PDB file of N, CA and C in Angstrom:
ATOM      1  N   UNK A   1      12.341 -55.073  37.494  1.00  0.00           N
ATOM      2  CA  UNK A   1      13.038 -54.405  36.552  1.00  0.00           C
ATOM      3  C   UNK A   1      12.239 -53.098  36.636  1.00  0.00           C
ATOM      4  N   UNK A   2      11.034 -52.786  36.586  1.00  0.00           N
ATOM      5  CA  UNK A   2      10.450 -51.689  36.196  1.00  0.00           C
ATOM      6  C   UNK A   2      10.627 -50.629  37.530  1.00  0.00           C
ATOM      7  N   UNK A   3      11.038 -51.289  38.619  1.00  0.00           N
ATOM      8  CA  UNK A   3      11.234 -50.517  39.829  1.00  0.00           C
ATOM      9  C   UNK A   3      12.545 -49.856  39.696  1.00  0.00           C
ATOM     10  N   UNK A   4      13.381 -50.331  39.039  1.00  0.00           N
ATOM     11  CA  UNK A   4      14.899 -50.037  38.880  1.00  0.00           C
ATOM     12  C   UNK A   4      14.504 -48.949  37.785  1.00  0.00           C
ATOM     13  N   UNK A   5      13.907 -49.015  36.890  1.00  0.00           N
ATOM     14  CA  UNK A   5      13.762 -47.879  35.652  1.00  0.00           C
ATOM     15  C   UNK A   5      13.176 -46.661  36.581  1.00  0.00           C
ATOM     16  N   UNK A   6      12.172 -46.827  37.165  1.00  0.00           N
ATOM     17  CA  UNK A   6      11.424 -45.769  37.821  1.00  0.00           C
ATOM     18  C   UNK A   6      12.479 -45.181  38.720  1.00  0.00           C
ATOM     19  N   UNK A   7      13.303 -45.735  39.370  1.00  0.00           N
ATOM     20  CA  UNK A   7      14.380 -45.152  40.373  1.00  0.00           C
ATOM     21  C   UNK A   7      15.183 -44.537  39.488  1.00  0.00           C
ATOM     22  N   UNK A   8      15.700 -44.751  38.330  1.00  0.00           N
ATOM     23  CA  UNK A   8      16.834 -44.223  37.691  1.00  0.00           C
ATOM     24  C   UNK A   8      16.005 -42.949  36.884  1.00  0.00           C
ATOM     25  N   UNK A   9      14.656 -43.023  36.645  1.00  0.00           N
ATOM     26  CA  UNK A   9      14.216 -42.059  35.908  1.00  0.00           C
ATOM     27  C   UNK A   9      13.985 -40.651  36.963  1.00  0.00           C
ATOM     28  N   UNK A  10      13.767 -41.110  38.189  1.00  0.00           N
ATOM     29  CA  UNK A  10      13.441 -39.984  39.374  1.00  0.00           C
ATOM     30  C   UNK A  10      14.879 -39.495  39.556  1.00  0.00           C
ATOM     31  N   UNK A  11      15.777 -40.286  39.489  1.00  0.00           N
ATOM     32  CA  UNK A  11      16.908 -39.691  39.872  1.00  0.00           C
ATOM     33  C   UNK A  11      17.708 -38.983  38.833  1.00  0.00           C
ATOM     34  N   UNK A  12      17.316 -39.214  37.703  1.00  0.00           N
ATOM     35  CA  UNK A  12      17.876 -38.479  36.359  1.00  0.00           C
ATOM     36  C   UNK A  12      17.050 -37.098  36.204  1.00  0.00           C
ATOM     37  N   UNK A  13      15.838 -37.322  36.740  1.00  0.00           N
ATOM     38  CA  UNK A  13      15.001 -35.779  36.841  1.00  0.00           C
ATOM     39  C   UNK A  13      15.721 -35.034  37.967  1.00  0.00           C
ATOM     40  N   UNK A  14      15.913 -35.748  39.064  1.00  0.00           N
ATOM     41  CA  UNK A  14      16.459 -34.652  40.432  1.00  0.00           C
ATOM     42  C   UNK A  14      17.721 -34.087  39.553  1.00  0.00           C
ATOM     43  N   UNK A  15      18.623 -34.892  39.183  1.00  0.00           N
ATOM     44  CA  UNK A  15      20.037 -34.332  38.574  1.00  0.00           C
ATOM     45  C   UNK A  15      19.720 -33.235  37.741  1.00  0.00           C
ATOM     46  N   UNK A  16      18.935 -33.408  36.532  1.00  0.00           N
ATOM     47  CA  UNK A  16      18.502 -32.320  35.675  1.00  0.00           C
ATOM     48  C   UNK A  16      17.779 -30.934  36.408  1.00  0.00           C
ATOM     49  N   UNK A  17      17.078 -31.319  37.747  1.00  0.00           N
ATOM     50  CA  UNK A  17      16.683 -30.184  38.034  1.00  0.00           C
ATOM     51  C   UNK A  17      17.636 -29.522  39.173  1.00  0.00           C
ATOM     52  N   UNK A  18      18.581 -30.063  39.223  1.00  0.00           N
ATOM     53  CA  UNK A  18      19.751 -29.535  40.258  1.00  0.00           C
ATOM     54  C   UNK A  18      19.437 -29.766  41.900  1.00  0.00           C
ATOM     55  N   UNK A  19      18.396 -30.690  42.099  1.00  0.00           N
ATOM     56  CA  UNK A  19      17.843 -30.800  43.576  1.00  0.00           C
ATOM     57  C   UNK A  19      18.614 -32.136  44.055  1.00  0.00           C
ATOM     58  N   UNK A  20      19.214 -32.904  43.261  1.00  0.00           N
ATOM     59  CA  UNK A  20      19.934 -34.335  43.640  1.00  0.00           C
ATOM     60  C   UNK A  20      20.838 -34.237  44.799  1.00  0.00           C
ATOM     61  N   UNK A  21      21.698 -32.809  44.553  1.00  0.00           N
ATOM     62  CA  UNK A  21      22.909 -32.832  45.477  1.00  0.00           C
ATOM     63  C   UNK A  21      22.913 -31.704  46.138  1.00  0.00           C
ATOM     64  N   UNK A  22      21.848 -30.914  46.478  1.00  0.00           N
ATOM     65  CA  UNK A  22      21.643 -29.549  46.779  1.00  0.00           C
ATOM     66  C   UNK A  22      22.678 -29.296  48.173  1.00  0.00           C
ATOM     67  N   UNK A  23      23.415 -28.689  48.372  1.00  0.00           N
ATOM     68  CA  UNK A  23      23.992 -28.329  49.451  1.00  0.00           C
ATOM     69  C   UNK A  23      23.232 -27.770  50.748  1.00  0.00           C
ATOM     70  N   UNK A  24      23.201 -28.468  52.026  1.00  0.00           N
ATOM     71  CA  UNK A  24      22.678 -28.088  52.919  1.00  0.00           C
ATOM     72  C   UNK A  24      23.684 -27.093  53.868  1.00  0.00           C
ATOM     73  N   UNK A  25      22.844 -26.161  54.633  1.00  0.00           N
ATOM     74  CA  UNK A  25      23.993 -25.410  55.380  1.00  0.00           C
ATOM     75  C   UNK A  25      23.395 -25.577  56.800  1.00  0.00           C
ATOM     76  N   UNK A  26      24.246 -25.122  57.839  1.00  0.00           N
ATOM     77  CA  UNK A  26      23.593 -25.286  59.070  1.00  0.00           C
ATOM     78  C   UNK A  26      24.107 -23.767  59.458  1.00  0.00           C
ATOM     79  N   UNK A  27      23.009 -22.970  59.689  1.00  0.00           N
ATOM     80  CA  UNK A  27      23.009 -21.449  60.310  1.00  0.00           C
ATOM     81  C   UNK A  27      23.459 -21.744  61.727  1.00  0.00           C
ATOM     82  N   UNK A  28      23.237 -22.409  62.552  1.00  0.00           N
ATOM     83  CA  UNK A  28      23.464 -22.491  63.901  1.00  0.00           C
ATOM     84  C   UNK A  28      25.015 -22.755  64.063  1.00  0.00           C
ATOM     85  N   UNK A  29      25.511 -23.581  63.318  1.00  0.00           N
ATOM     86  CA  UNK A  29      26.906 -23.839  63.367  1.00  0.00           C
ATOM     87  C   UNK A  29      27.888 -22.577  62.480  1.00  0.00           C
ATOM     88  N   UNK A  30      27.065 -21.674  61.941  1.00  0.00           N
ATOM     89  CA  UNK A  30      27.685 -20.798  61.162  1.00  0.00           C
ATOM     90  C   UNK A  30      27.845 -19.567  61.962  1.00  0.00           C
ATOM     91  N   UNK A  31      27.308 -19.396  63.211  1.00  0.00           N
ATOM     92  CA  UNK A  31      27.230 -18.028  64.117  1.00  0.00           C
ATOM     93  C   UNK A  31      28.815 -18.041  64.539  1.00  0.00           C
ATOM     94  N   UNK A  32      29.522 -18.824  64.824  1.00  0.00           N
ATOM     95  CA  UNK A  32      30.849 -19.017  65.470  1.00  0.00           C
ATOM     96  C   UNK A  32      31.614 -18.278  64.270  1.00  0.00           C
ATOM     97  N   UNK A  33      31.573 -18.853  63.273  1.00  0.00           N
ATOM     98  CA  UNK A  33      32.304 -18.556  61.995  1.00  0.00           C
ATOM     99  C   UNK A  33      31.868 -16.941  61.531  1.00  0.00           C
ATOM    100  N   UNK A  34      30.773 -16.620  61.477  1.00  0.00           N
ATOM    101  CA  UNK A  34      30.330 -15.324  61.317  1.00  0.00           C
ATOM    102  C   UNK A  34      31.052 -14.406  62.405  1.00  0.00           C
ATOM    103  N   UNK A  35      30.745 -14.780  63.594  1.00  0.00           N
ATOM    104  CA  UNK A  35      31.520 -13.804  64.693  1.00  0.00           C
ATOM    105  C   UNK A  35      32.839 -13.722  64.643  1.00  0.00           C
ATOM    106  N   UNK A  36      33.658 -14.767  64.251  1.00  0.00           N
ATOM    107  CA  UNK A  36      35.114 -14.608  64.057  1.00  0.00           C
ATOM    108  C   UNK A  36      35.636 -14.192  62.757  1.00  0.00           C
ATOM    109  N   UNK A  37      34.927 -14.056  61.858  1.00  0.00           N
ATOM    110  CA  UNK A  37      35.492 -13.853  60.338  1.00  0.00           C
ATOM    111  C   UNK A  37      34.830 -13.061  59.522  1.00  0.00           C
ATOM    112  N   UNK A  38      33.470 -12.788  59.743  1.00  0.00           N
ATOM    113  CA  UNK A  38      32.455 -12.200  58.908  1.00  0.00           C
ATOM    114  C   UNK A  38      32.018 -10.614  59.459  1.00  0.00           C
ATOM    115  N   UNK A  39      31.557 -10.854  60.816  1.00  0.00           N
ATOM    116  CA  UNK A  39      31.171  -9.477  61.258  1.00  0.00           C
ATOM    117  C   UNK A  39      31.597  -8.443  61.454  1.00  0.00           C
ATOM    118  N   UNK A  40      33.154  -8.446  61.106  1.00  0.00           N
ATOM    119  CA  UNK A  40      33.994  -7.447  60.979  1.00  0.00           C
ATOM    120  C   UNK A  40      33.467  -6.546  59.765  1.00  0.00           C
ATOM    121  N   UNK A  41      33.040  -7.136  58.604  1.00  0.00           N
ATOM    122  CA  UNK A  41      32.566  -6.031  57.576  1.00  0.00           C
ATOM    123  C   UNK A  41      30.883  -6.131  57.804  1.00  0.00           C
ATOM    124  N   UNK A  42      30.262  -7.326  57.835  1.00  0.00           N
ATOM    125  CA  UNK A  42      28.798  -7.434  57.936  1.00  0.00           C
ATOM    126  C   UNK A  42      28.012  -6.663  58.894  1.00  0.00           C
ATOM    127  N   UNK A  43      28.823  -6.215  60.044  1.00  0.00           N
ATOM    128  CA  UNK A  43      28.093  -5.467  61.143  1.00  0.00           C
ATOM    129  C   UNK A  43      28.116  -4.042  60.623  1.00  0.00           C
ATOM    130  N   UNK A  44      29.004  -3.566  60.199  1.00  0.00           N
ATOM    131  CA  UNK A  44      29.403  -2.134  59.737  1.00  0.00           C
ATOM    132  C   UNK A  44      29.043  -2.010  58.451  1.00  0.00           C
ATOM    133  N   UNK A  45      28.953  -2.999  57.545  1.00  0.00           N
ATOM    134  CA  UNK A  45      28.860  -2.357  55.949  1.00  0.00           C
ATOM    135  C   UNK A  45      30.222  -2.045  55.529  1.00  0.00           C
ATOM    136  N   UNK A  46      31.217  -2.492  55.916  1.00  0.00           N
ATOM    137  CA  UNK A  46      32.249  -2.012  55.241  1.00  0.00           C
ATOM    138  C   UNK A  46      32.418  -2.683  53.781  1.00  0.00           C
ATOM    139  N   UNK A  47      33.117  -1.897  52.885  1.00  0.00           N
ATOM    140  CA  UNK A  47      33.257  -2.253  51.461  1.00  0.00           C
ATOM    141  C   UNK A  47      32.070  -2.616  50.799  1.00  0.00           C
ATOM    142  N   UNK A  48      30.826  -2.138  51.260  1.00  0.00           N
ATOM    143  CA  UNK A  48      29.609  -2.306  50.613  1.00  0.00           C
ATOM    144  C   UNK A  48      29.096  -3.484  51.165  1.00  0.00           C
ATOM    145  N   UNK A  49      29.613  -4.332  51.974  1.00  0.00           N
ATOM    146  CA  UNK A  49      28.845  -5.515  52.670  1.00  0.00           C
ATOM    147  C   UNK A  49      27.259  -5.417  53.213  1.00  0.00           C
ATOM    148  N   UNK A  50      26.417  -6.203  52.658  1.00  0.00           N
ATOM    149  CA  UNK A  50      25.399  -5.905  53.293  1.00  0.00           C
ATOM    150  C   UNK A  50      25.212  -6.273  54.691  1.00  0.00           C
ATOM    151  N   UNK A  51      24.672  -5.206  55.548  1.00  0.00           N
ATOM    152  CA  UNK A  51      24.853  -5.425  56.922  1.00  0.00           C
ATOM    153  C   UNK A  51      23.828  -6.577  57.500  1.00  0.00           C
ATOM    154  N   UNK A  52      24.330  -7.342  58.508  1.00  0.00           N
ATOM    155  CA  UNK A  52      23.551  -8.336  58.817  1.00  0.00           C
ATOM    156  C   UNK A  52      22.072  -8.010  59.529  1.00  0.00           C
ATOM    157  N   UNK A  53      20.856  -8.362  59.077  1.00  0.00           N
ATOM    158  CA  UNK A  53      20.089  -7.700  59.703  1.00  0.00           C
ATOM    159  C   UNK A  53      19.284  -6.914  58.761  1.00  0.00           C
ATOM    160  N   UNK A  54      19.903  -6.246  57.585  1.00  0.00           N
ATOM    161  CA  UNK A  54      19.097  -5.417  56.764  1.00  0.00           C
ATOM    162  C   UNK A  54      18.527  -6.333  55.711  1.00  0.00           C
ATOM    163  N   UNK A  55      17.068  -6.368  55.955  1.00  0.00           N
ATOM    164  CA  UNK A  55      16.303  -7.017  54.995  1.00  0.00           C
ATOM    165  C   UNK A  55      16.418  -6.428  53.758  1.00  0.00           C
ATOM    166  N   UNK A  56      16.166  -5.150  53.623  1.00  0.00           N
ATOM    167  CA  UNK A  56      16.380  -4.528  52.380  1.00  0.00           C
ATOM    168  C   UNK A  56      17.714  -4.985  51.615  1.00  0.00           C
ATOM    169  N   UNK A  57      18.426  -4.620  52.122  1.00  0.00           N
ATOM    170  CA  UNK A  57      19.999  -5.150  51.571  1.00  0.00           C
ATOM    171  C   UNK A  57      20.119  -6.436  51.189  1.00  0.00           C
ATOM    172  N   UNK A  58      19.720  -7.339  51.895  1.00  0.00           N
ATOM    173  CA  UNK A  58      19.796  -8.580  51.747  1.00  0.00           C
ATOM    174  C   UNK A  58      18.565  -9.520  50.784  1.00  0.00           C
ATOM    175  N   UNK A  59      17.264  -8.940  50.756  1.00  0.00           N
ATOM    176  CA  UNK A  59      16.225  -9.440  49.617  1.00  0.00           C
ATOM    177  C   UNK A  59      16.862  -9.681  48.462  1.00  0.00           C
ATOM    178  N   UNK A  60      17.567  -8.873  47.502  1.00  0.00           N
ATOM    179  CA  UNK A  60      17.847  -9.153  46.385  1.00  0.00           C
ATOM    180  C   UNK A  60      18.922 -10.155  46.265  1.00  0.00           C
ATOM    181  N   UNK A  61      19.509 -10.385  47.079  1.00  0.00           N
ATOM    182  CA  UNK A  61      20.889 -11.519  47.442  1.00  0.00           C
ATOM    183  C   UNK A  61      20.244 -12.825  47.804  1.00  0.00           C
ATOM    184  N   UNK A  62      19.414 -12.763  48.736  1.00  0.00           N
ATOM    185  CA  UNK A  62      18.594 -14.140  48.884  1.00  0.00           C
ATOM    186  C   UNK A  62      17.730 -14.422  47.737  1.00  0.00           C
ATOM    187  N   UNK A  63      17.369 -13.559  46.940  1.00  0.00           N
ATOM    188  CA  UNK A  63      16.722 -14.226  45.699  1.00  0.00           C
ATOM    189  C   UNK A  63      17.376 -14.859  44.872  1.00  0.00           C
ATOM    190  N   UNK A  64      18.651 -14.711  44.880  1.00  0.00           N
ATOM    191  CA  UNK A  64      19.614 -15.107  43.879  1.00  0.00           C
ATOM    192  C   UNK A  64      19.698 -16.777  44.115  1.00  0.00           C
ATOM    193  N   UNK A  65      19.375 -17.251  45.363  1.00  0.00           N
ATOM    194  CA  UNK A  65      19.801 -18.411  45.981  1.00  0.00           C
ATOM    195  C   UNK A  65      20.662 -18.575  46.959  1.00  0.00           C
ATOM    196  N   UNK A  66      20.904 -19.568  47.729  1.00  0.00           N
ATOM    197  CA  UNK A  66      21.828 -20.061  48.480  1.00  0.00           C
ATOM    198  C   UNK A  66      23.375 -20.199  47.946  1.00  0.00           C
ATOM    199  N   UNK A  67      23.009 -21.317  46.937  1.00  0.00           N
ATOM    200  CA  UNK A  67      24.373 -21.680  46.288  1.00  0.00           C
ATOM    201  C   UNK A  67      24.958 -20.690  45.442  1.00  0.00           C
ATOM    202  N   UNK A  68      24.585 -19.443  44.861  1.00  0.00           N
ATOM    203  CA  UNK A  68      25.095 -18.442  44.529  1.00  0.00           C
ATOM    204  C   UNK A  68      25.753 -17.429  45.428  1.00  0.00           C
ATOM    205  N   UNK A  69      24.988 -17.352  46.671  1.00  0.00           N
ATOM    206  CA  UNK A  69      25.612 -16.372  47.451  1.00  0.00           C
ATOM    207  C   UNK A  69      26.734 -17.204  48.096  1.00  0.00           C
ATOM    208  N   UNK A  70      26.795 -18.465  48.484  1.00  0.00           N
ATOM    209  CA  UNK A  70      27.941 -19.189  49.092  1.00  0.00           C
ATOM    210  C   UNK A  70      28.994 -19.237  47.973  1.00  0.00           C
ATOM    211  N   UNK A  71      28.705 -19.332  46.784  1.00  0.00           N
ATOM    212  CA  UNK A  71      29.746 -19.364  45.521  1.00  0.00           C
ATOM    213  C   UNK A  71      30.769 -18.428  45.744  1.00  0.00           C
ATOM    214  N   UNK A  72      29.785 -16.946  45.697  1.00  0.00           N
ATOM    215  CA  UNK A  72      30.324 -15.817  45.595  1.00  0.00           C
ATOM    216  C   UNK A  72      31.179 -15.453  47.046  1.00  0.00           C
ATOM    217  N   UNK A  73      30.476 -15.887  48.124  1.00  0.00           N
ATOM    218  CA  UNK A  73      31.406 -15.705  49.354  1.00  0.00           C
ATOM    219  C   UNK A  73      32.844 -16.638  49.271  1.00  0.00           C
ATOM    220  N   UNK A  74      32.940 -17.821  48.539  1.00  0.00           N
ATOM    221  CA  UNK A  74      33.779 -18.799  48.681  1.00  0.00           C
ATOM    222  C   UNK A  74      35.023 -18.093  47.384  1.00  0.00           C
ATOM    223  N   UNK A  75      34.561 -17.681  46.529  1.00  0.00           N
ATOM    224  CA  UNK A  75      35.605 -17.275  45.410  1.00  0.00           C
ATOM    225  C   UNK A  75      35.854 -15.788  45.478  1.00  0.00           C
ATOM    226  N   UNK A  76      34.790 -15.118  46.149  1.00  0.00           N
ATOM    227  CA  UNK A  76      35.099 -13.519  46.199  1.00  0.00           C
ATOM    228  C   UNK A  76      34.112 -12.881  45.135  1.00  0.00           C
ATOM    229  N   UNK A  77      33.995 -11.760  45.270  1.00  0.00           N
ATOM    230  CA  UNK A  77      32.912 -11.088  44.453  1.00  0.00           C
ATOM    231  C   UNK A  77      33.132  -9.684  44.475  1.00  0.00           C
ATOM    232  N   UNK A  78      33.003  -9.070  43.253  1.00  0.00           N
ATOM    233  CA  UNK A  78      32.892  -7.693  42.950  1.00  0.00           C
ATOM    234  C   UNK A  78      31.941  -7.281  42.195  1.00  0.00           C
ATOM    235  N   UNK A  79      31.163  -6.322  42.734  1.00  0.00           N
ATOM    236  CA  UNK A  79      29.864  -5.910  42.140  1.00  0.00           C
ATOM    237  C   UNK A  79      29.797  -4.233  42.182  1.00  0.00           C
ATOM    238  N   UNK A  80      28.609  -3.841  41.788  1.00  0.00           N
ATOM    239  CA  UNK A  80      28.299  -2.361  41.616  1.00  0.00           C
ATOM    240  C   UNK A  80      28.476  -1.718  43.124  1.00  0.00           C
ATOM    241  N   UNK A  81      28.215  -2.252  43.702  1.00  0.00           N
ATOM    242  CA  UNK A  81      28.234  -1.522  45.357  1.00  0.00           C
ATOM    243  C   UNK A  81      29.380  -1.902  46.095  1.00  0.00           C
ATOM    244  N   UNK A  82      30.061  -2.863  45.995  1.00  0.00           N
ATOM    245  CA  UNK A  82      31.112  -3.361  46.989  1.00  0.00           C
ATOM    246  C   UNK A  82      31.687  -4.503  46.316  1.00  0.00           C
ATOM    247  N   UNK A  83      32.614  -5.227  47.190  1.00  0.00           N
ATOM    248  CA  UNK A  83      33.594  -6.219  46.882  1.00  0.00           C
ATOM    249  C   UNK A  83      33.492  -7.298  48.167  1.00  0.00           C
ATOM    250  N   UNK A  84      34.188  -8.413  48.044  1.00  0.00           N
ATOM    251  CA  UNK A  84      34.417  -9.366  49.226  1.00  0.00           C
ATOM    252  C   UNK A  84      35.558 -10.147  48.707  1.00  0.00           C
ATOM    253  N   UNK A  85      36.553 -10.269  49.398  1.00  0.00           N
ATOM    254  CA  UNK A  85      37.729 -11.233  49.145  1.00  0.00           C
ATOM    255  C   UNK A  85      37.349 -12.755  48.966  1.00  0.00           C
ATOM    256  N   UNK A  86      37.885 -13.500  48.683  1.00  0.00           N
ATOM    257  CA  UNK A  86      37.319 -15.055  48.639  1.00  0.00           C
ATOM    258  C   UNK A  86      37.786 -15.115  50.107  1.00  0.00           C
ATOM    259  N   UNK A  87      36.617 -15.960  50.535  1.00  0.00           N
ATOM    260  CA  UNK A  87      36.304 -16.410  51.978  1.00  0.00           C
ATOM    261  C   UNK A  87      36.477 -15.305  53.281  1.00  0.00           C
ATOM    262  N   UNK A  88      36.110 -14.243  52.450  1.00  0.00           N
ATOM    263  CA  UNK A  88      36.266 -12.829  53.355  1.00  0.00           C
ATOM    264  C   UNK A  88      37.397 -12.617  53.806  1.00  0.00           C
ATOM    265  N   UNK A  89      38.462 -12.988  53.235  1.00  0.00           N
ATOM    266  CA  UNK A  89      39.834 -12.736  53.501  1.00  0.00           C
ATOM    267  C   UNK A  89      40.314 -13.823  54.526  1.00  0.00           C
ATOM    268  N   UNK A  90      39.660 -14.816  54.878  1.00  0.00           N
ATOM    269  CA  UNK A  90      40.267 -15.981  55.791  1.00  0.00           C
ATOM    270  C   UNK A  90      40.318 -17.091  55.222  1.00  0.00           C
ATOM    271  N   UNK A  91      41.328 -17.283  54.296  1.00  0.00           N
ATOM    272  CA  UNK A  91      41.480 -18.612  53.477  1.00  0.00           C
ATOM    273  C   UNK A  91      41.592 -19.960  54.376  1.00  0.00           C
ATOM    274  N   UNK A  92      41.548 -19.919  55.614  1.00  0.00           N
ATOM    275  CA  UNK A  92      41.588 -21.025  56.279  1.00  0.00           C
ATOM    276  C   UNK A  92      40.294 -21.663  56.418  1.00  0.00           C
ATOM    277  N   UNK A  93      39.142 -20.808  56.158  1.00  0.00           N
ATOM    278  CA  UNK A  93      37.897 -21.047  56.380  1.00  0.00           C
ATOM    279  C   UNK A  93      37.672 -22.388  55.485  1.00  0.00           C
ATOM    280  N   UNK A  94      36.989 -23.474  55.570  1.00  0.00           N
ATOM    281  CA  UNK A  94      36.495 -24.506  54.723  1.00  0.00           C
ATOM    282  C   UNK A  94      34.980 -23.881  54.060  1.00  0.00           C
ATOM    283  N   UNK A  95      35.004 -24.532  52.759  1.00  0.00           N
ATOM    284  CA  UNK A  95      33.776 -24.173  51.985  1.00  0.00           C
ATOM    285  C   UNK A  95      32.495 -24.393  53.040  1.00  0.00           C
ATOM    286  N   UNK A  96      32.299 -25.303  53.633  1.00  0.00           N
ATOM    287  CA  UNK A  96      31.325 -25.614  54.643  1.00  0.00           C
ATOM    288  C   UNK A  96      31.335 -24.439  55.633  1.00  0.00           C
ATOM    289  N   UNK A  97      32.208 -24.112  56.281  1.00  0.00           N
ATOM    290  CA  UNK A  97      32.334 -23.268  57.000  1.00  0.00           C
ATOM    291  C   UNK A  97      31.519 -21.936  56.614  1.00  0.00           C
ATOM    292  N   UNK A  98      32.068 -21.350  55.404  1.00  0.00           N
ATOM    293  CA  UNK A  98      31.462 -20.312  54.587  1.00  0.00           C
ATOM    294  C   UNK A  98      30.195 -20.293  54.361  1.00  0.00           C
ATOM    295  N   UNK A  99      29.633 -21.544  54.012  1.00  0.00           N
ATOM    296  CA  UNK A  99      28.041 -21.602  53.550  1.00  0.00           C
ATOM    297  C   UNK A  99      27.376 -21.530  54.814  1.00  0.00           C
ATOM    298  N   UNK A 100      27.991 -22.107  56.027  1.00  0.00           N
ATOM    299  CA  UNK A 100      27.135 -22.101  57.359  1.00  0.00           C
ATOM    300  C   UNK A 100      26.875 -20.548  57.494  1.00  0.00           C
ATOM    301  N   UNK A 101      28.079 -19.715  57.668  1.00  0.00           N
ATOM    302  CA  UNK A 101      28.039 -18.304  57.905  1.00  0.00           C
ATOM    303  C   UNK A 101      26.871 -17.676  57.141  1.00  0.00           C
ATOM    304  N   UNK A 102      27.121 -17.801  55.843  1.00  0.00           N
ATOM    305  CA  UNK A 102      26.221 -17.261  54.982  1.00  0.00           C
ATOM    306  C   UNK A 102      24.587 -17.797  55.387  1.00  0.00           C
ATOM    307  N   UNK A 103      24.297 -19.020  55.636  1.00  0.00           N
ATOM    308  CA  UNK A 103      23.214 -19.293  56.292  1.00  0.00           C
ATOM    309  C   UNK A 103      22.683 -18.381  57.461  1.00  0.00           C
ATOM    310  N   UNK A 104      23.769 -18.320  58.254  1.00  0.00           N
ATOM    311  CA  UNK A 104      23.717 -17.805  59.542  1.00  0.00           C
ATOM    312  C   UNK A 104      22.938 -16.184  59.141  1.00  0.00           C
ATOM    313  N   UNK A 105      23.520 -15.480  58.267  1.00  0.00           N
ATOM    314  CA  UNK A 105      23.202 -14.189  58.135  1.00  0.00           C
ATOM    315  C   UNK A 105      21.975 -14.202  57.195  1.00  0.00           C
ATOM    316  N   UNK A 106      21.781 -15.143  56.243  1.00  0.00           N
ATOM    317  CA  UNK A 106      20.392 -14.880  55.779  1.00  0.00           C
ATOM    318  C   UNK A 106      19.453 -15.230  56.875  1.00  0.00           C
ATOM    319  N   UNK A 107      19.569 -16.125  57.809  1.00  0.00           N
ATOM    320  CA  UNK A 107      18.830 -16.219  58.661  1.00  0.00           C
ATOM    321  C   UNK A 107      18.338 -15.133  59.539  1.00  0.00           C
ATOM    322  N   UNK A 108      19.151 -14.140  59.846  1.00  0.00           N
ATOM    323  CA  UNK A 108      19.184 -12.841  60.474  1.00  0.00           C
ATOM    324  C   UNK A 108      18.651 -11.858  59.943  1.00  0.00           C
ATOM    325  N   UNK A 109      18.796 -12.031  58.561  1.00  0.00           N
ATOM    326  CA  UNK A 109      18.199 -10.769  57.693  1.00  0.00           C
ATOM    327  C   UNK A 109      17.043 -11.263  56.766  1.00  0.00           C
ATOM    328  N   UNK A 110      16.269 -12.142  56.873  1.00  0.00           N
ATOM    329  CA  UNK A 110      14.958 -12.318  56.436  1.00  0.00           C
ATOM    330  C   UNK A 110      14.016 -11.685  56.959  1.00  0.00           C
TER     331      UNK A 110
END
């Protein structure tokens, strides 16, 4: 019985901390999505998009965490320096594809 209670307490602590179901992203899988749907803005910096590889532009975004960046990319974002349409204007993308593309750009921009 104590093993069950210990497991339950650990599970509850993980839920409270937000780590229990943290999404994982696959940067390697995101490269194709990036090239097909994201590069048109993120290579040139259109509409204020941070250029892929620009460490200074990406640093404050990376500091907010992957979940926030992916959420903004899925739902769209309008900030002081620019905007992004939901899913970069490609509604056919799945949330996982968007997350993977964000992971690819982050990996290229650290």
